[in-house]
Amino acid sequence: MDGMLLLMLAIGLSVTMTVAWAIQRMTGASGWVDMIWSAAVGIGGMAAAAFAAGDGGRRTAVLMIIAIWSLRLASHIAARTRGGGEDPRYEALIEEWGRSAALRLWLFLQVQAGAAFVLILAVYLAAASAEPFPRVADLLAMTVAIVAVTGEAVSDRQLSTFRKTAEAGMGVMERGLWRYSRHPNYFFEWLFWCAWPLMAISLAVGWGWLALLAPLQMYWLLVHVSGIPPLEQHMLASRGEKFRALQARVNAFFPGPRKGKFSP
């Protein structure tokens, strides 16, 4: 592995998340943190792909996939942040931290920089694989990535549309892809990172297996740490029994059939 390239990427991520911290403190809108994080992962991933040792076709494919993911997600979060207030997850943390909120938020964002590095490492390993391109595994990986980006975009669009309706005030989203999972956008985000081990791992001895850290980390963060737990706590506080009933009949993460008939 190119140690100097990875070191520069790690430093760049730390600096970028410090800038994100400063913007949050000035604007009071934590959505910009997630937008900057998404853009940083995309730019770092593109740089990793551009300077990796894999062949041109592999590096180009990796660069295009991570660029599409980053542009889509960062632009979506930016549009959402412009039209709304503070992210309830960050708002709860800042309130809990009290007077030490500024320092603890900076430390929290440095942890996010570390998480971003794990994701970029997976992208780098996929681009640097010594295997010929394209293999069957590469084609499968690109298919998984396309399905994931499309599914996340569709679920985000469906939620944005719902939020503009009168029902959104005290109702819960249970239409489209949201009939099958309470958090389909999180599921597809995790699925996207499952593509990189498929491209990175080969039968030859190498570092490709480290790419498995990306989907493992993303699953842990989304399902157990900063994704579903704080968001569902907020939904229970604001929607009460309506959301509790949704929890009883719709899977939290992995899509699957629920009890009863689907709504139209």
Protein backbone atom coordinates (compact mmCIF):
# COMPACT_ATOMS: atom_id res chain seq x y z
CA MET A 1 0.00 0.00 0.00
CA ASP A 2 1.06 3.59 -0.62
CA GLY A 3 1.65 4.76 2.93
CA MET A 4 2.36 8.40 2.04
CA LEU A 5 -0.86 8.73 0.02
CA LEU A 6 -2.92 7.25 2.84
CA LEU A 7 -1.23 9.49 5.42
CA MET A 8 -2.00 12.59 3.34
CA LEU A 9 -5.62 11.50 2.99
CA ALA A 10 -5.90 10.96 6.76
CA ILE A 11 -4.52 14.43 7.49
CA GLY A 12 -6.79 15.98 4.89
CA LEU A 13 -9.85 14.35 6.45
CA SER A 14 -8.91 15.62 9.91
CA VAL A 15 -8.50 19.18 8.62
CA THR A 16 -11.73 18.99 6.61
CA MET A 17 -13.77 17.87 9.62
CA THR A 18 -12.26 20.71 11.64
CA VAL A 19 -13.59 23.07 8.97
CA ALA A 20 -16.97 21.32 9.23
CA TRP A 21 -16.88 21.86 13.01
CA ALA A 22 -16.23 25.58 12.52
CA ILE A 23 -19.11 25.89 10.04
CA GLN A 24 -21.49 24.16 12.46
CA ARG A 25 -20.49 26.49 15.27
CA MET A 26 -21.06 29.53 13.05
CA THR A 27 -24.35 28.45 11.45
CA GLY A 28 -25.92 26.18 14.08
CA ALA A 29 -26.86 23.79 11.25
CA SER A 30 -25.26 20.38 11.70
CA GLY A 31 -26.52 19.19 8.33
CA TRP A 32 -23.51 20.93 6.78
CA VAL A 33 -21.30 18.54 8.76
CA ASP A 34 -22.80 15.51 7.00
CA MET A 35 -22.66 17.26 3.63
CA ILE A 36 -18.97 18.07 4.06
CA TRP A 37 -18.27 14.54 5.30
CA SER A 38 -19.93 13.01 2.23
CA ALA A 39 -17.99 15.32 -0.09
CA ALA A 40 -14.73 14.60 1.74
CA VAL A 41 -15.18 10.83 1.42
CA GLY A 42 -15.92 11.28 -2.29
CA ILE A 43 -12.95 13.55 -2.98
CA GLY A 44 -10.65 11.37 -0.89
CA GLY A 45 -11.91 8.25 -2.65
CA MET A 46 -11.36 9.81 -6.08
CA ALA A 47 -7.82 10.81 -5.10
CA ALA A 48 -7.17 7.29 -3.80
CA ALA A 49 -8.43 5.78 -7.05
CA ALA A 50 -6.45 8.20 -9.20
CA PHE A 51 -3.14 7.42 -7.50
CA ALA A 52 -3.63 3.69 -6.86
CA ALA A 53 -1.51 1.09 -8.63
CA GLY A 54 -4.34 -0.76 -10.42
CA ASP A 55 -4.85 -0.70 -14.18
CA GLY A 56 -6.53 2.26 -15.86
CA GLY A 57 -9.91 0.60 -16.38
CA ARG A 58 -10.19 -0.44 -12.75
CA ARG A 59 -9.16 2.97 -11.42
CA THR A 60 -11.58 4.75 -13.76
CA ALA A 61 -14.49 2.53 -12.72
CA VAL A 62 -13.75 3.03 -9.03
CA LEU A 63 -13.35 6.79 -9.45
CA MET A 64 -16.67 7.13 -11.30
CA ILE A 65 -18.61 5.04 -8.78
CA ILE A 66 -17.39 6.93 -5.72
CA ALA A 67 -17.88 10.28 -7.49
CA ILE A 68 -21.51 9.48 -8.33
CA TRP A 69 -22.19 8.32 -4.76
CA SER A 70 -20.62 11.43 -3.22
CA LEU A 71 -22.23 13.94 -5.57
CA ARG A 72 -25.67 12.43 -5.07
CA LEU A 73 -25.48 12.21 -1.29
CA ALA A 74 -23.75 15.55 -0.67
CA SER A 75 -26.19 17.45 -2.90
CA HIS A 76 -29.17 15.76 -1.22
CA ILE A 77 -27.96 16.64 2.27
CA ALA A 78 -27.17 20.22 1.18
CA ALA A 79 -30.70 20.68 -0.19
CA ARG A 80 -32.20 19.20 2.98
CA THR A 81 -30.07 21.43 5.22
CA ARG A 82 -30.99 24.60 3.34
CA GLY A 83 -34.67 23.84 3.83
CA GLY A 84 -34.61 22.81 7.50
CA GLY A 85 -33.20 23.48 10.93
CA GLU A 86 -30.81 21.59 13.16
CA ASP A 87 -30.42 17.83 12.72
CA PRO A 88 -32.23 16.28 15.72
CA ARG A 89 -29.42 13.76 16.28
CA TYR A 90 -26.78 16.47 16.64
CA GLU A 91 -29.17 18.73 18.52
CA ALA A 92 -29.66 16.05 21.19
CA LEU A 93 -25.90 15.48 21.51
CA ILE A 94 -25.11 19.19 21.81
CA GLU A 95 -27.79 19.64 24.45
CA GLU A 96 -26.47 16.63 26.38
CA TRP A 97 -22.88 17.89 26.25
CA GLY A 98 -23.79 21.31 27.63
CA ARG A 99 -20.87 23.69 28.20
CA SER A 100 -18.35 21.23 26.78
CA ALA A 101 -20.31 20.91 23.53
CA ALA A 102 -17.76 22.75 21.37
CA LEU A 103 -14.80 20.56 22.35
CA ARG A 104 -16.78 17.32 22.38
CA LEU A 105 -18.27 18.06 18.98
CA TRP A 106 -14.77 18.63 17.56
CA LEU A 107 -13.61 15.31 19.01
CA PHE A 108 -16.74 13.61 17.67
CA LEU A 109 -16.01 14.94 14.18
CA GLN A 110 -12.44 13.71 14.38
CA VAL A 111 -13.88 10.24 15.03
CA GLN A 112 -15.97 10.77 11.90
CA ALA A 113 -12.76 11.60 10.03
CA GLY A 114 -11.37 8.24 11.17
CA ALA A 115 -14.52 6.48 9.97
CA ALA A 116 -14.20 8.25 6.61
CA PHE A 117 -10.62 7.01 6.31
CA VAL A 118 -11.78 3.40 6.71
CA LEU A 119 -14.20 3.91 3.81
CA ILE A 120 -11.58 5.56 1.60
CA LEU A 121 -9.17 2.73 2.37
CA ALA A 122 -11.72 0.28 0.93
CA VAL A 123 -11.99 2.39 -2.23
CA TYR A 124 -8.20 2.52 -2.52
CA LEU A 125 -7.87 -1.25 -2.12
CA ALA A 126 -10.48 -1.82 -4.83
CA ALA A 127 -8.63 0.49 -7.22
CA ALA A 128 -5.21 -0.97 -6.36
CA SER A 129 -6.16 -4.65 -6.79
CA ALA A 130 -3.69 -6.55 -8.96
CA GLU A 131 -6.45 -8.72 -10.47
CA PRO A 132 -7.33 -8.21 -14.16
CA PHE A 133 -10.31 -5.96 -14.83
CA PRO A 134 -13.16 -6.59 -15.24
CA ARG A 135 -13.68 -9.86 -13.38
CA VAL A 136 -17.08 -11.34 -12.62
CA ALA A 137 -16.66 -10.04 -9.06
CA ASP A 138 -16.00 -6.54 -10.42
CA LEU A 139 -19.17 -6.60 -12.53
CA LEU A 140 -21.13 -7.82 -9.51
CA ALA A 141 -19.62 -5.06 -7.37
CA MET A 142 -20.57 -2.37 -9.87
CA THR A 143 -24.11 -3.78 -10.05
CA VAL A 144 -24.41 -3.70 -6.27
CA ALA A 145 -23.14 -0.11 -6.21
CA ILE A 146 -25.61 1.03 -8.88
CA VAL A 147 -28.54 -0.67 -7.14
CA ALA A 148 -27.49 0.86 -3.82
CA VAL A 149 -27.11 4.43 -5.10
CA THR A 150 -30.41 4.17 -6.99
CA GLY A 151 -32.26 2.68 -4.01
CA GLU A 152 -30.95 5.34 -1.64
CA ALA A 153 -31.85 8.13 -4.07
CA VAL A 154 -35.39 6.76 -4.51
CA SER A 155 -35.96 6.36 -0.76
CA ASP A 156 -34.60 9.86 -0.06
CA ARG A 157 -36.89 11.31 -2.75
CA GLN A 158 -39.90 9.47 -1.34
CA LEU A 159 -39.19 10.81 2.15
CA SER A 160 -38.67 14.37 0.86
CA THR A 161 -42.01 14.20 -0.92
CA PHE A 162 -43.74 12.90 2.20
CA ARG A 163 -42.31 15.69 4.33
CA LYS A 164 -44.11 18.24 2.13
CA THR A 165 -47.53 16.74 2.87
CA ALA A 166 -49.90 17.70 5.68
CA GLU A 167 -49.66 14.15 7.04
CA ALA A 168 -45.96 14.55 7.80
CA GLY A 169 -46.65 16.79 10.79
CA MET A 170 -47.63 13.95 13.11
CA GLY A 171 -47.63 10.93 10.78
CA VAL A 172 -45.04 8.31 9.88
CA MET A 173 -43.62 7.45 6.48
CA GLU A 174 -44.85 4.09 5.21
CA ARG A 175 -44.95 4.40 1.43
CA GLY A 176 -42.83 3.09 -1.41
CA LEU A 177 -39.60 1.54 -0.18
CA TRP A 178 -40.53 2.62 3.34
CA ARG A 179 -43.14 -0.15 3.44
CA TYR A 180 -40.35 -2.71 3.61
CA SER A 181 -37.89 -1.05 5.98
CA ARG A 182 -38.13 1.77 8.49
CA HIS A 183 -34.80 3.05 7.18
CA PRO A 184 -34.36 1.99 3.53
CA ASN A 185 -31.95 4.87 2.89
CA TYR A 186 -29.65 3.50 5.60
CA PHE A 187 -29.93 -0.01 4.20
CA PHE A 188 -28.92 1.09 0.71
CA GLU A 189 -26.08 3.20 2.12
CA TRP A 190 -24.71 0.09 3.83
CA LEU A 191 -25.23 -1.96 0.65
CA PHE A 192 -23.13 0.52 -1.32
CA TRP A 193 -20.11 -0.18 0.86
CA CYS A 194 -20.55 -3.92 0.37
CA ALA A 195 -19.44 -3.40 -3.24
CA TRP A 196 -15.84 -2.52 -2.39
CA PRO A 197 -14.74 -5.83 -0.82
CA LEU A 198 -16.04 -7.58 -3.95
CA MET A 199 -13.63 -5.51 -6.02
CA ALA A 200 -10.74 -5.51 -3.57
CA ILE A 201 -10.50 -9.11 -2.37
CA SER A 202 -8.68 -11.66 -4.53
CA LEU A 203 -7.28 -15.14 -4.08
CA ALA A 204 -3.79 -13.68 -4.24
CA VAL A 205 -2.17 -12.67 -0.96
CA GLY A 206 -2.72 -8.99 -0.33
CA TRP A 207 -4.44 -6.31 1.71
CA GLY A 208 -7.79 -6.51 -0.09
CA TRP A 209 -9.55 -8.21 2.82
CA LEU A 210 -9.22 -4.96 4.79
CA ALA A 211 -11.99 -3.59 2.55
CA LEU A 212 -14.41 -5.66 4.63
CA LEU A 213 -13.96 -3.07 7.36
CA ALA A 214 -16.04 -0.59 5.33
CA PRO A 215 -19.40 -2.47 5.35
CA LEU A 216 -18.77 -3.77 8.87
CA GLN A 217 -18.14 -0.28 10.17
CA MET A 218 -21.08 1.20 8.26
CA TYR A 219 -23.47 -1.44 9.60
CA TRP A 220 -22.30 -0.85 13.17
CA LEU A 221 -22.62 2.93 12.88
CA LEU A 222 -26.01 2.95 11.16
CA VAL A 223 -27.69 0.19 13.17
CA HIS A 224 -26.12 0.58 16.62
CA VAL A 225 -24.57 4.03 17.01
CA SER A 226 -25.30 7.24 15.10
CA GLY A 227 -28.01 6.17 12.65
CA ILE A 228 -31.10 4.27 13.76
CA PRO A 229 -30.90 4.57 17.61
CA PRO A 230 -30.96 8.40 17.94
CA LEU A 231 -33.34 8.85 15.01
CA GLU A 232 -35.84 6.34 16.37
CA GLN A 233 -35.59 7.88 19.82
CA HIS A 234 -36.53 11.20 18.25
CA MET A 235 -39.39 9.62 16.29
CA LEU A 236 -40.77 7.94 19.41
CA ALA A 237 -40.68 11.25 21.26
CA SER A 238 -42.39 13.14 18.44
CA ARG A 239 -44.75 10.48 16.99
CA GLY A 240 -45.40 8.26 20.00
CA GLU A 241 -47.70 5.28 19.43
CA LYS A 242 -47.84 5.82 15.67
CA PHE A 243 -44.14 5.12 15.38
CA ARG A 244 -44.28 2.35 17.98
CA ALA A 245 -46.92 0.62 15.84
CA LEU A 246 -44.67 1.03 12.81
CA GLN A 247 -41.82 -0.60 14.72
CA ALA A 248 -44.05 -3.60 15.42
CA ARG A 249 -44.81 -4.33 11.78
CA VAL A 250 -41.90 -3.02 9.66
CA ASN A 251 -38.27 -4.15 9.81
CA ALA A 252 -35.81 -1.56 11.09
CA PHE A 253 -33.03 -2.12 8.54
CA PHE A 254 -33.13 -5.13 6.22
CA PRO A 255 -36.13 -5.00 3.85
CA GLY A 256 -38.67 -7.74 4.34
CA PRO A 257 -42.39 -8.47 4.39
CA ARG A 258 -44.39 -6.97 7.18
CA LYS A 259 -47.51 -8.34 8.83
CA GLY A 260 -50.78 -7.55 7.07
CA LYS A 261 -51.38 -5.97 3.68
CA PHE A 262 -49.23 -3.34 2.12
CA SER A 263 -50.71 0.13 1.89
CA PRO A 264 -51.20 1.46 -1.67
